[in-house]
Amino acid sequence: GKERELVAGVTNDGGKKNYAGSVKGRFTISRDNRRR
């Protein structure tokens, strides 16, 4: 019953991350480009 919400994002090199205010401090996004 709710709209789609952006939760987190990470740049292509993993250098910068951003979070929705509702999850900031609780959620952590990360990436491993070698393992895709």
Full PDB file with SEQRES, HELIX, SHEET, SSBOND, CRYST1, ORIGX, SCALE, CONECT and MASTER records, all heavy atoms in Angstrom:
SEQRES   1 A   36  GLY LYS GLU ARG GLU LEU VAL ALA GLY VAL THR ASN ASP          
SEQRES   2 A   36  GLY GLY LYS LYS ASN TYR ALA GLY SER VAL LYS GLY ARG          
SEQRES   3 A   36  PHE THR ILE SER ARG ASP ASN ARG ARG ARG                      
SHEET    1 AA1 2 ALA A   8  VAL A  10  0                                        
SHEET    2 AA1 2 LYS A  17  TYR A  19 -1                                        
CRYST1    1.000    1.000    1.000  90.00  90.00  90.00 P 1           1          
ORIGX1      1.000000  0.000000  0.000000        0.00000                         
ORIGX2      0.000000  1.000000  0.000000        0.00000                         
ORIGX3      0.000000  0.000000  1.000000        0.00000                         
SCALE1      1.000000  0.000000  0.000000        0.00000                         
SCALE2      0.000000  1.000000  0.000000        0.00000                         
SCALE3      0.000000  0.000000  1.000000        0.00000                         
ATOM      1  N   GLY A   1       0.771  -1.221   0.000  1.00  0.00           N  
ATOM      2  CA  GLY A   1       0.000   0.000   0.000  1.00  0.00           C  
ATOM      3  C   GLY A   1       0.806   1.278   0.000  1.00  0.00           C  
ATOM      4  O   GLY A   1       0.224   2.366   0.078  1.00  0.00           O  
ATOM      5  N   LYS A   2       2.132   1.176  -0.094  1.00  0.00           N  
ATOM      6  CA  LYS A   2       2.980   2.351  -0.073  1.00  0.00           C  
ATOM      7  C   LYS A   2       3.810   2.444  -1.348  1.00  0.00           C  
ATOM      8  O   LYS A   2       3.975   1.464  -2.068  1.00  0.00           O  
ATOM      9  CB  LYS A   2       3.908   2.324   1.142  1.00  0.00           C  
ATOM     10  CG  LYS A   2       3.183   2.363   2.477  1.00  0.00           C  
ATOM     11  CD  LYS A   2       4.163   2.400   3.629  1.00  0.00           C  
ATOM     12  CE  LYS A   2       3.441   2.466   4.965  1.00  0.00           C  
ATOM     13  NZ  LYS A   2       4.405   2.488   6.100  1.00  0.00           N  
ATOM     14  N   GLU A   3       4.335   3.637  -1.615  1.00  0.00           N  
ATOM     15  CA  GLU A   3       5.169   3.848  -2.781  1.00  0.00           C  
ATOM     16  C   GLU A   3       6.562   3.289  -2.556  1.00  0.00           C  
ATOM     17  O   GLU A   3       7.027   3.145  -1.417  1.00  0.00           O  
ATOM     18  CB  GLU A   3       5.253   5.336  -3.122  1.00  0.00           C  
ATOM     19  CG  GLU A   3       3.940   5.948  -3.574  1.00  0.00           C  
ATOM     20  CD  GLU A   3       4.090   7.374  -4.050  1.00  0.00           C  
ATOM     21  OE1 GLU A   3       5.177   7.960  -3.871  1.00  0.00           O  
ATOM     22  OE2 GLU A   3       3.125   7.903  -4.620  1.00  0.00           O  
ATOM     23  N   ARG A   4       7.225   2.985  -3.652  1.00  0.00           N  
ATOM     24  CA  ARG A   4       8.601   2.525  -3.587  1.00  0.00           C  
ATOM     25  C   ARG A   4       9.496   3.615  -3.010  1.00  0.00           C  
ATOM     26  O   ARG A   4       9.357   4.791  -3.359  1.00  0.00           O  
ATOM     27  CB  ARG A   4       9.071   2.131  -4.992  1.00  0.00           C  
ATOM     28  CG  ARG A   4      10.453   1.508  -5.050  1.00  0.00           C  
ATOM     29  CD  ARG A   4      10.789   1.149  -6.482  1.00  0.00           C  
ATOM     30  NE  ARG A   4      10.774   2.324  -7.336  1.00  0.00           N  
ATOM     31  CZ  ARG A   4      10.729   2.283  -8.668  1.00  0.00           C  
ATOM     32  NH1 ARG A   4      10.667   1.114  -9.291  1.00  0.00           N  
ATOM     33  NH2 ARG A   4      10.738   3.404  -9.365  1.00  0.00           N  
ATOM     34  N   GLU A   5      10.415   3.231  -2.147  1.00  0.00           N  
ATOM     35  CA  GLU A   5      11.257   4.166  -1.419  1.00  0.00           C  
ATOM     36  C   GLU A   5      12.724   3.825  -1.616  1.00  0.00           C  
ATOM     37  O   GLU A   5      13.126   2.668  -1.470  1.00  0.00           O  
ATOM     38  CB  GLU A   5      10.913   4.112   0.078  1.00  0.00           C  
ATOM     39  CG  GLU A   5      11.823   4.927   0.982  1.00  0.00           C  
ATOM     40  CD  GLU A   5      11.577   4.652   2.454  1.00  0.00           C  
ATOM     41  OE1 GLU A   5      11.029   3.586   2.785  1.00  0.00           O  
ATOM     42  OE2 GLU A   5      11.935   5.524   3.278  1.00  0.00           O  
ATOM     43  N   LEU A   6      13.533   4.835  -1.923  1.00  0.00           N  
ATOM     44  CA  LEU A   6      14.979   4.645  -1.976  1.00  0.00           C  
ATOM     45  C   LEU A   6      15.517   4.526  -0.564  1.00  0.00           C  
ATOM     46  O   LEU A   6      15.308   5.413   0.269  1.00  0.00           O  
ATOM     47  CB  LEU A   6      15.643   5.815  -2.704  1.00  0.00           C  
ATOM     48  CG  LEU A   6      17.174   5.808  -2.744  1.00  0.00           C  
ATOM     49  CD1 LEU A   6      17.698   4.596  -3.505  1.00  0.00           C  
ATOM     50  CD2 LEU A   6      17.700   7.099  -3.373  1.00  0.00           C  
ATOM     51  N   VAL A   7      16.221   3.442  -0.290  1.00  0.00           N  
ATOM     52  CA  VAL A   7      16.741   3.170   1.043  1.00  0.00           C  
ATOM     53  C   VAL A   7      18.206   3.560   1.159  1.00  0.00           C  
ATOM     54  O   VAL A   7      18.618   4.193   2.134  1.00  0.00           O  
ATOM     55  CB  VAL A   7      16.565   1.682   1.407  1.00  0.00           C  
ATOM     56  CG1 VAL A   7      17.162   1.386   2.781  1.00  0.00           C  
ATOM     57  CG2 VAL A   7      15.089   1.308   1.371  1.00  0.00           C  
ATOM     58  N   ALA A   8      19.014   3.169   0.178  1.00  0.00           N  
ATOM     59  CA  ALA A   8      20.451   3.411   0.241  1.00  0.00           C  
ATOM     60  C   ALA A   8      21.056   3.363  -1.145  1.00  0.00           C  
ATOM     61  O   ALA A   8      20.514   2.734  -2.056  1.00  0.00           O  
ATOM     62  CB  ALA A   8      21.139   2.385   1.145  1.00  0.00           C  
ATOM     63  N   GLY A   9      22.182   4.034  -1.319  1.00  0.00           N  
ATOM     64  CA  GLY A   9      22.915   4.009  -2.569  1.00  0.00           C  
ATOM     65  C   GLY A   9      24.407   4.073  -2.320  1.00  0.00           C  
ATOM     66  O   GLY A   9      24.844   4.584  -1.287  1.00  0.00           O  
ATOM     67  N   VAL A  10      25.173   3.555  -3.265  1.00  0.00           N  
ATOM     68  CA  VAL A  10      26.629   3.593  -3.185  1.00  0.00           C  
ATOM     69  C   VAL A  10      27.192   3.853  -4.576  1.00  0.00           C  
ATOM     70  O   VAL A  10      26.704   3.296  -5.564  1.00  0.00           O  
ATOM     71  CB  VAL A  10      27.199   2.290  -2.575  1.00  0.00           C  
ATOM     72  CG1 VAL A  10      26.795   1.064  -3.385  1.00  0.00           C  
ATOM     73  CG2 VAL A  10      28.711   2.367  -2.433  1.00  0.00           C  
ATOM     74  N   THR A  11      28.208   4.713  -4.670  1.00  0.00           N  
ATOM     75  CA  THR A  11      28.823   5.037  -5.947  1.00  0.00           C  
ATOM     76  C   THR A  11      29.552   3.837  -6.529  1.00  0.00           C  
ATOM     77  O   THR A  11      29.769   2.827  -5.864  1.00  0.00           O  
ATOM     78  CB  THR A  11      29.798   6.211  -5.796  1.00  0.00           C  
ATOM     79  OG1 THR A  11      30.732   5.932  -4.755  1.00  0.00           O  
ATOM     80  CG2 THR A  11      29.047   7.495  -5.465  1.00  0.00           C  
ATOM     81  N   ASN A  12      29.943   3.968  -7.803  1.00  0.00           N  
ATOM     82  CA  ASN A  12      30.520   2.833  -8.510  1.00  0.00           C  
ATOM     83  C   ASN A  12      31.796   2.304  -7.866  1.00  0.00           C  
ATOM     84  O   ASN A  12      32.078   1.103  -7.940  1.00  0.00           O  
ATOM     85  CB  ASN A  12      30.781   3.197  -9.969  1.00  0.00           C  
ATOM     86  CG  ASN A  12      31.806   4.311 -10.121  1.00  0.00           C  
ATOM     87  OD1 ASN A  12      31.655   5.393  -9.561  1.00  0.00           O  
ATOM     88  ND2 ASN A  12      32.854   4.052 -10.896  1.00  0.00           N  
ATOM     89  N   ASP A  13      32.563   3.191  -7.236  1.00  0.00           N  
ATOM     90  CA  ASP A  13      33.812   2.778  -6.598  1.00  0.00           C  
ATOM     91  C   ASP A  13      33.662   2.514  -5.099  1.00  0.00           C  
ATOM     92  O   ASP A  13      34.650   2.219  -4.423  1.00  0.00           O  
ATOM     93  CB  ASP A  13      34.912   3.819  -6.832  1.00  0.00           C  
ATOM     94  CG  ASP A  13      34.585   5.170  -6.222  1.00  0.00           C  
ATOM     95  OD1 ASP A  13      33.476   5.350  -5.695  1.00  0.00           O  
ATOM     96  OD2 ASP A  13      35.451   6.060  -6.283  1.00  0.00           O  
ATOM     97  N   GLY A  14      32.441   2.644  -4.593  1.00  0.00           N  
ATOM     98  CA  GLY A  14      32.197   2.432  -3.179  1.00  0.00           C  
ATOM     99  C   GLY A  14      32.604   3.584  -2.293  1.00  0.00           C  
ATOM    100  O   GLY A  14      32.517   3.469  -1.063  1.00  0.00           O  
ATOM    101  N   GLY A  15      33.007   4.714  -2.880  1.00  0.00           N  
ATOM    102  CA  GLY A  15      33.551   5.807  -2.106  1.00  0.00           C  
ATOM    103  C   GLY A  15      32.545   6.655  -1.359  1.00  0.00           C  
ATOM    104  O   GLY A  15      32.883   7.267  -0.348  1.00  0.00           O  
ATOM    105  N   LYS A  16      31.328   6.717  -1.863  1.00  0.00           N  
ATOM    106  CA  LYS A  16      30.298   7.524  -1.233  1.00  0.00           C  
ATOM    107  C   LYS A  16      29.026   6.716  -1.087  1.00  0.00           C  
ATOM    108  O   LYS A  16      28.665   5.947  -1.967  1.00  0.00           O  
ATOM    109  CB  LYS A  16      30.023   8.798  -2.035  1.00  0.00           C  
ATOM    110  CG  LYS A  16      31.187   9.778  -2.074  1.00  0.00           C  
ATOM    111  CD  LYS A  16      30.814  11.036  -2.829  1.00  0.00           C  
ATOM    112  CE  LYS A  16      31.959  12.032  -2.829  1.00  0.00           C  
ATOM    113  NZ  LYS A  16      31.601  13.281  -3.563  1.00  0.00           N  
ATOM    114  N   LYS A  17      28.349   6.931   0.033  1.00  0.00           N  
ATOM    115  CA  LYS A  17      27.102   6.241   0.330  1.00  0.00           C  
ATOM    116  C   LYS A  17      26.065   7.238   0.811  1.00  0.00           C  
ATOM    117  O   LYS A  17      26.399   8.265   1.389  1.00  0.00           O  
ATOM    118  CB  LYS A  17      27.329   5.169   1.403  1.00  0.00           C  
ATOM    119  CG  LYS A  17      28.398   4.151   1.038  1.00  0.00           C  
ATOM    120  CD  LYS A  17      28.707   3.238   2.204  1.00  0.00           C  
ATOM    121  CE  LYS A  17      29.824   2.266   1.862  1.00  0.00           C  
ATOM    122  NZ  LYS A  17      30.143   1.371   3.009  1.00  0.00           N  
ATOM    123  N   ASN A  18      24.800   6.920   0.573  1.00  0.00           N  
ATOM    124  CA  ASN A  18      23.734   7.741   1.111  1.00  0.00           C  
ATOM    125  C   ASN A  18      22.599   6.852   1.574  1.00  0.00           C  
ATOM    126  O   ASN A  18      22.441   5.727   1.095  1.00  0.00           O  
ATOM    127  CB  ASN A  18      23.247   8.782   0.091  1.00  0.00           C  
ATOM    128  CG  ASN A  18      22.605   8.156  -1.123  1.00  0.00           C  
ATOM    129  OD1 ASN A  18      23.277   7.782  -2.086  1.00  0.00           O  
ATOM    130  ND2 ASN A  18      21.281   8.042  -1.094  1.00  0.00           N  
ATOM    131  N   TYR A  19      21.797   7.384   2.518  1.00  0.00           N  
ATOM    132  CA  TYR A  19      20.748   6.605   3.144  1.00  0.00           C  
ATOM    133  C   TYR A  19      19.503   7.444   3.344  1.00  0.00           C  
ATOM    134  O   TYR A  19      19.572   8.662   3.539  1.00  0.00           O  
ATOM    135  CB  TYR A  19      21.202   6.091   4.513  1.00  0.00           C  
ATOM    136  CG  TYR A  19      22.430   5.230   4.477  1.00  0.00           C  
ATOM    137  CD1 TYR A  19      23.695   5.784   4.653  1.00  0.00           C  
ATOM    138  CD2 TYR A  19      22.320   3.859   4.268  1.00  0.00           C  
ATOM    139  CE1 TYR A  19      24.825   4.993   4.621  1.00  0.00           C  
ATOM    140  CE2 TYR A  19      23.454   3.068   4.239  1.00  0.00           C  
ATOM    141  CZ  TYR A  19      24.702   3.634   4.415  1.00  0.00           C  
ATOM    142  OH  TYR A  19      25.818   2.839   4.387  1.00  0.00           O  
ATOM    143  N   ALA A  20      18.365   6.788   3.316  1.00  0.00           N  
ATOM    144  CA  ALA A  20      17.141   7.433   3.745  1.00  0.00           C  
ATOM    145  C   ALA A  20      17.241   7.752   5.233  1.00  0.00           C  
ATOM    146  O   ALA A  20      17.855   7.009   6.005  1.00  0.00           O  
ATOM    147  CB  ALA A  20      15.943   6.531   3.485  1.00  0.00           C  
ATOM    148  N   GLY A  21      16.628   8.860   5.635  1.00  0.00           N  
ATOM    149  CA  GLY A  21      16.702   9.256   7.031  1.00  0.00           C  
ATOM    150  C   GLY A  21      16.167   8.206   7.990  1.00  0.00           C  
ATOM    151  O   GLY A  21      16.658   8.081   9.122  1.00  0.00           O  
ATOM    152  N   SER A  22      15.195   7.433   7.542  1.00  0.00           N  
ATOM    153  CA  SER A  22      14.576   6.443   8.409  1.00  0.00           C  
ATOM    154  C   SER A  22      15.482   5.261   8.729  1.00  0.00           C  
ATOM    155  O   SER A  22      15.223   4.528   9.685  1.00  0.00           O  
ATOM    156  CB  SER A  22      13.278   5.931   7.773  1.00  0.00           C  
ATOM    157  OG  SER A  22      13.532   5.349   6.508  1.00  0.00           O  
ATOM    158  N   VAL A  23      16.539   5.065   7.944  1.00  0.00           N  
ATOM    159  CA  VAL A  23      17.428   3.922   8.159  1.00  0.00           C  
ATOM    160  C   VAL A  23      18.851   4.333   8.508  1.00  0.00           C  
ATOM    161  O   VAL A  23      19.664   3.469   8.876  1.00  0.00           O  
ATOM    162  CB  VAL A  23      17.456   2.983   6.936  1.00  0.00           C  
ATOM    163  CG1 VAL A  23      16.048   2.584   6.532  1.00  0.00           C  
ATOM    164  CG2 VAL A  23      18.197   3.619   5.764  1.00  0.00           C  
ATOM    165  N   LYS A  24      19.163   5.602   8.398  1.00  0.00           N  
ATOM    166  CA  LYS A  24      20.518   6.078   8.671  1.00  0.00           C  
ATOM    167  C   LYS A  24      20.936   5.715  10.095  1.00  0.00           C  
ATOM    168  O   LYS A  24      20.202   5.943  11.052  1.00  0.00           O  
ATOM    169  CB  LYS A  24      20.600   7.589   8.473  1.00  0.00           C  
ATOM    170  CG  LYS A  24      22.020   8.137   8.476  1.00  0.00           C  
ATOM    171  CD  LYS A  24      22.021   9.620   8.141  1.00  0.00           C  
ATOM    172  CE  LYS A  24      23.422  10.192   8.105  1.00  0.00           C  
ATOM    173  NZ  LYS A  24      24.230   9.589   7.013  1.00  0.00           N  
ATOM    174  N   GLY A  25      22.109   5.136  10.215  1.00  0.00           N  
ATOM    175  CA  GLY A  25      22.609   4.679  11.497  1.00  0.00           C  
ATOM    176  C   GLY A  25      22.276   3.245  11.809  1.00  0.00           C  
ATOM    177  O   GLY A  25      22.878   2.657  12.719  1.00  0.00           O  
ATOM    178  N   ARG A  26      21.322   2.669  11.075  1.00  0.00           N  
ATOM    179  CA  ARG A  26      20.939   1.274  11.286  1.00  0.00           C  
ATOM    180  C   ARG A  26      21.340   0.374  10.121  1.00  0.00           C  
ATOM    181  O   ARG A  26      21.663  -0.792  10.330  1.00  0.00           O  
ATOM    182  CB  ARG A  26      19.430   1.157  11.497  1.00  0.00           C  
ATOM    183  CG  ARG A  26      18.913   1.901  12.712  1.00  0.00           C  
ATOM    184  CD  ARG A  26      17.452   1.555  12.988  1.00  0.00           C  
ATOM    185  NE  ARG A  26      16.580   1.986  11.900  1.00  0.00           N  
ATOM    186  CZ  ARG A  26      15.794   1.175  11.195  1.00  0.00           C  
ATOM    187  NH1 ARG A  26      15.765  -0.124  11.464  1.00  0.00           N  
ATOM    188  NH2 ARG A  26      15.025   1.650  10.228  1.00  0.00           N  
ATOM    189  N   PHE A  27      21.286   0.904   8.897  1.00  0.00           N  
ATOM    190  CA  PHE A  27      21.592   0.131   7.694  1.00  0.00           C  
ATOM    191  C   PHE A  27      22.938   0.567   7.131  1.00  0.00           C  
ATOM    192  O   PHE A  27      23.311   1.740   7.203  1.00  0.00           O  
ATOM    193  CB  PHE A  27      20.528   0.350   6.617  1.00  0.00           C  
ATOM    194  CG  PHE A  27      19.171  -0.239   6.910  1.00  0.00           C  
ATOM    195  CD1 PHE A  27      18.842  -0.738   8.162  1.00  0.00           C  
ATOM    196  CD2 PHE A  27      18.220  -0.286   5.900  1.00  0.00           C  
ATOM    197  CE1 PHE A  27      17.590  -1.263   8.416  1.00  0.00           C  
ATOM    198  CE2 PHE A  27      16.967  -0.815   6.145  1.00  0.00           C  
ATOM    199  CZ  PHE A  27      16.642  -1.306   7.400  1.00  0.00           C  
ATOM    200  N   THR A  28      23.650  -0.376   6.517  1.00  0.00           N  
ATOM    201  CA  THR A  28      24.922  -0.093   5.879  1.00  0.00           C  
ATOM    202  C   THR A  28      24.982  -0.774   4.520  1.00  0.00           C  
ATOM    203  O   THR A  28      24.877  -1.997   4.435  1.00  0.00           O  
ATOM    204  CB  THR A  28      26.103  -0.569   6.740  1.00  0.00           C  
ATOM    205  OG1 THR A  28      26.040   0.025   8.038  1.00  0.00           O  
ATOM    206  CG2 THR A  28      27.421  -0.180   6.078  1.00  0.00           C  
ATOM    207  N   ILE A  29      25.155   0.021   3.459  1.00  0.00           N  
ATOM    208  CA  ILE A  29      25.308  -0.520   2.118  1.00  0.00           C  
ATOM    209  C   ILE A  29      26.793  -0.667   1.806  1.00  0.00           C  
ATOM    210  O   ILE A  29      27.615   0.139   2.244  1.00  0.00           O  
ATOM    211  CB  ILE A  29      24.609   0.372   1.067  1.00  0.00           C  
ATOM    212  CG1 ILE A  29      24.583  -0.313  -0.311  1.00  0.00           C  
ATOM    213  CG2 ILE A  29      25.268   1.747   0.978  1.00  0.00           C  
ATOM    214  CD1 ILE A  29      23.730   0.424  -1.337  1.00  0.00           C  
ATOM    215  N   SER A  30      27.144  -1.695   1.049  1.00  0.00           N  
ATOM    216  CA  SER A  30      28.520  -1.898   0.632  1.00  0.00           C  
ATOM    217  C   SER A  30      28.538  -2.654  -0.687  1.00  0.00           C  
ATOM    218  O   SER A  30      27.530  -3.219  -1.100  1.00  0.00           O  
ATOM    219  CB  SER A  30      29.322  -2.647   1.701  1.00  0.00           C  
ATOM    220  OG  SER A  30      28.772  -3.931   1.941  1.00  0.00           O  
ATOM    221  N   ARG A  31      29.689  -2.663  -1.346  1.00  0.00           N  
ATOM    222  CA  ARG A  31      29.815  -3.401  -2.594  1.00  0.00           C  
ATOM    223  C   ARG A  31      31.204  -3.996  -2.721  1.00  0.00           C  
ATOM    224  O   ARG A  31      32.175  -3.491  -2.144  1.00  0.00           O  
ATOM    225  CB  ARG A  31      29.508  -2.504  -3.804  1.00  0.00           C  
ATOM    226  CG  ARG A  31      30.524  -1.394  -4.047  1.00  0.00           C  
ATOM    227  CD  ARG A  31      30.025  -0.426  -5.124  1.00  0.00           C  
ATOM    228  NE  ARG A  31      29.918  -1.052  -6.432  1.00  0.00           N  
ATOM    229  CZ  ARG A  31      29.199  -0.563  -7.437  1.00  0.00           C  
ATOM    230  NH1 ARG A  31      28.502   0.565  -7.272  1.00  0.00           N  
ATOM    231  NH2 ARG A  31      29.171  -1.196  -8.603  1.00  0.00           N  
ATOM    232  N   ASP A  32      31.279  -5.078  -3.488  1.00  0.00           N  
ATOM    233  CA  ASP A  32      32.530  -5.752  -3.784  1.00  0.00           C  
ATOM    234  C   ASP A  32      32.585  -5.900  -5.299  1.00  0.00           C  
ATOM    235  O   ASP A  32      31.922  -6.767  -5.868  1.00  0.00           O  
ATOM    236  CB  ASP A  32      32.579  -7.112  -3.090  1.00  0.00           C  
ATOM    237  CG  ASP A  32      33.891  -7.839  -3.283  1.00  0.00           C  
ATOM    238  OD1 ASP A  32      34.603  -7.574  -4.281  1.00  0.00           O  
ATOM    239  OD2 ASP A  32      34.225  -8.688  -2.441  1.00  0.00           O  
ATOM    240  N   ASN A  33      33.343  -5.024  -5.953  1.00  0.00           N  
ATOM    241  CA  ASN A  33      33.352  -5.011  -7.410  1.00  0.00           C  
ATOM    242  C   ASN A  33      34.019  -6.243  -8.008  1.00  0.00           C  
ATOM    243  O   ASN A  33      33.695  -6.649  -9.119  1.00  0.00           O  
ATOM    244  CB  ASN A  33      34.026  -3.739  -7.922  1.00  0.00           C  
ATOM    245  CG  ASN A  33      33.135  -2.523  -7.801  1.00  0.00           C  
ATOM    246  OD1 ASN A  33      31.955  -2.629  -7.458  1.00  0.00           O  
ATOM    247  ND2 ASN A  33      33.692  -1.351  -8.083  1.00  0.00           N  
ATOM    248  N   ARG A  34      34.963  -6.818  -7.284  1.00  0.00           N  
ATOM    249  CA  ARG A  34      35.600  -8.036  -7.774  1.00  0.00           C  
ATOM    250  C   ARG A  34      34.608  -9.184  -7.836  1.00  0.00           C  
ATOM    251  O   ARG A  34      34.586  -9.955  -8.798  1.00  0.00           O  
ATOM    252  CB  ARG A  34      36.785  -8.400  -6.895  1.00  0.00           C  
ATOM    253  CG  ARG A  34      37.508  -9.659  -7.336  1.00  0.00           C  
ATOM    254  CD  ARG A  34      38.639  -9.990  -6.401  1.00  0.00           C  
ATOM    255  NE  ARG A  34      39.294 -11.247  -6.752  1.00  0.00           N  
ATOM    256  CZ  ARG A  34      40.231 -11.827  -6.039  1.00  0.00           C  
ATOM    257  NH1 ARG A  34      40.642 -11.265  -4.909  1.00  0.00           N  
ATOM    258  NH2 ARG A  34      40.768 -12.973  -6.444  1.00  0.00           N  
ATOM    259  N   ARG A  35      33.795  -9.317  -6.796  1.00  0.00           N  
ATOM    260  CA  ARG A  35      32.796 -10.381  -6.741  1.00  0.00           C  
ATOM    261  C   ARG A  35      31.487  -9.988  -7.394  1.00  0.00           C  
ATOM    262  O   ARG A  35      30.583 -10.832  -7.506  1.00  0.00           O  
ATOM    263  CB  ARG A  35      32.543 -10.781  -5.287  1.00  0.00           C  
ATOM    264  CG  ARG A  35      33.749 -11.350  -4.575  1.00  0.00           C  
ATOM    265  CD  ARG A  35      33.374 -11.826  -3.179  1.00  0.00           C  
ATOM    266  NE  ARG A  35      32.423 -12.922  -3.238  1.00  0.00           N  
ATOM    267  CZ  ARG A  35      31.359 -13.039  -2.454  1.00  0.00           C  
ATOM    268  NH1 ARG A  35      31.104 -12.115  -1.539  1.00  0.00           N  
ATOM    269  NH2 ARG A  35      30.550 -14.081  -2.570  1.00  0.00           N  
ATOM    270  N   ARG A  36      31.348  -8.721  -7.818  1.00  0.00           N  
ATOM    271  CA  ARG A  36      30.115  -8.213  -8.418  1.00  0.00           C  
ATOM    272  C   ARG A  36      28.927  -8.416  -7.483  1.00  0.00           C  
ATOM    273  O   ARG A  36      27.876  -8.950  -7.870  1.00  0.00           O  
ATOM    274  CB  ARG A  36      29.873  -8.866  -9.782  1.00  0.00           C  
ATOM    275  CG  ARG A  36      30.910  -8.488 -10.826  1.00  0.00           C  
ATOM    276  CD  ARG A  36      30.823  -9.384 -12.059  1.00  0.00           C  
ATOM    277  NE  ARG A  36      31.252 -10.732 -11.763  1.00  0.00           N  
ATOM    278  CZ  ARG A  36      30.600 -11.833 -12.112  1.00  0.00           C  
ATOM    279  NH1 ARG A  36      29.475 -11.749 -12.806  1.00  0.00           N  
ATOM    280  NH2 ARG A  36      31.085 -13.022 -11.791  1.00  0.00           N  
TER     281      ARG A  36                                                      
MASTER        0    0    0    0    2    0    0    6  280    1    0    3          
END                                                                             
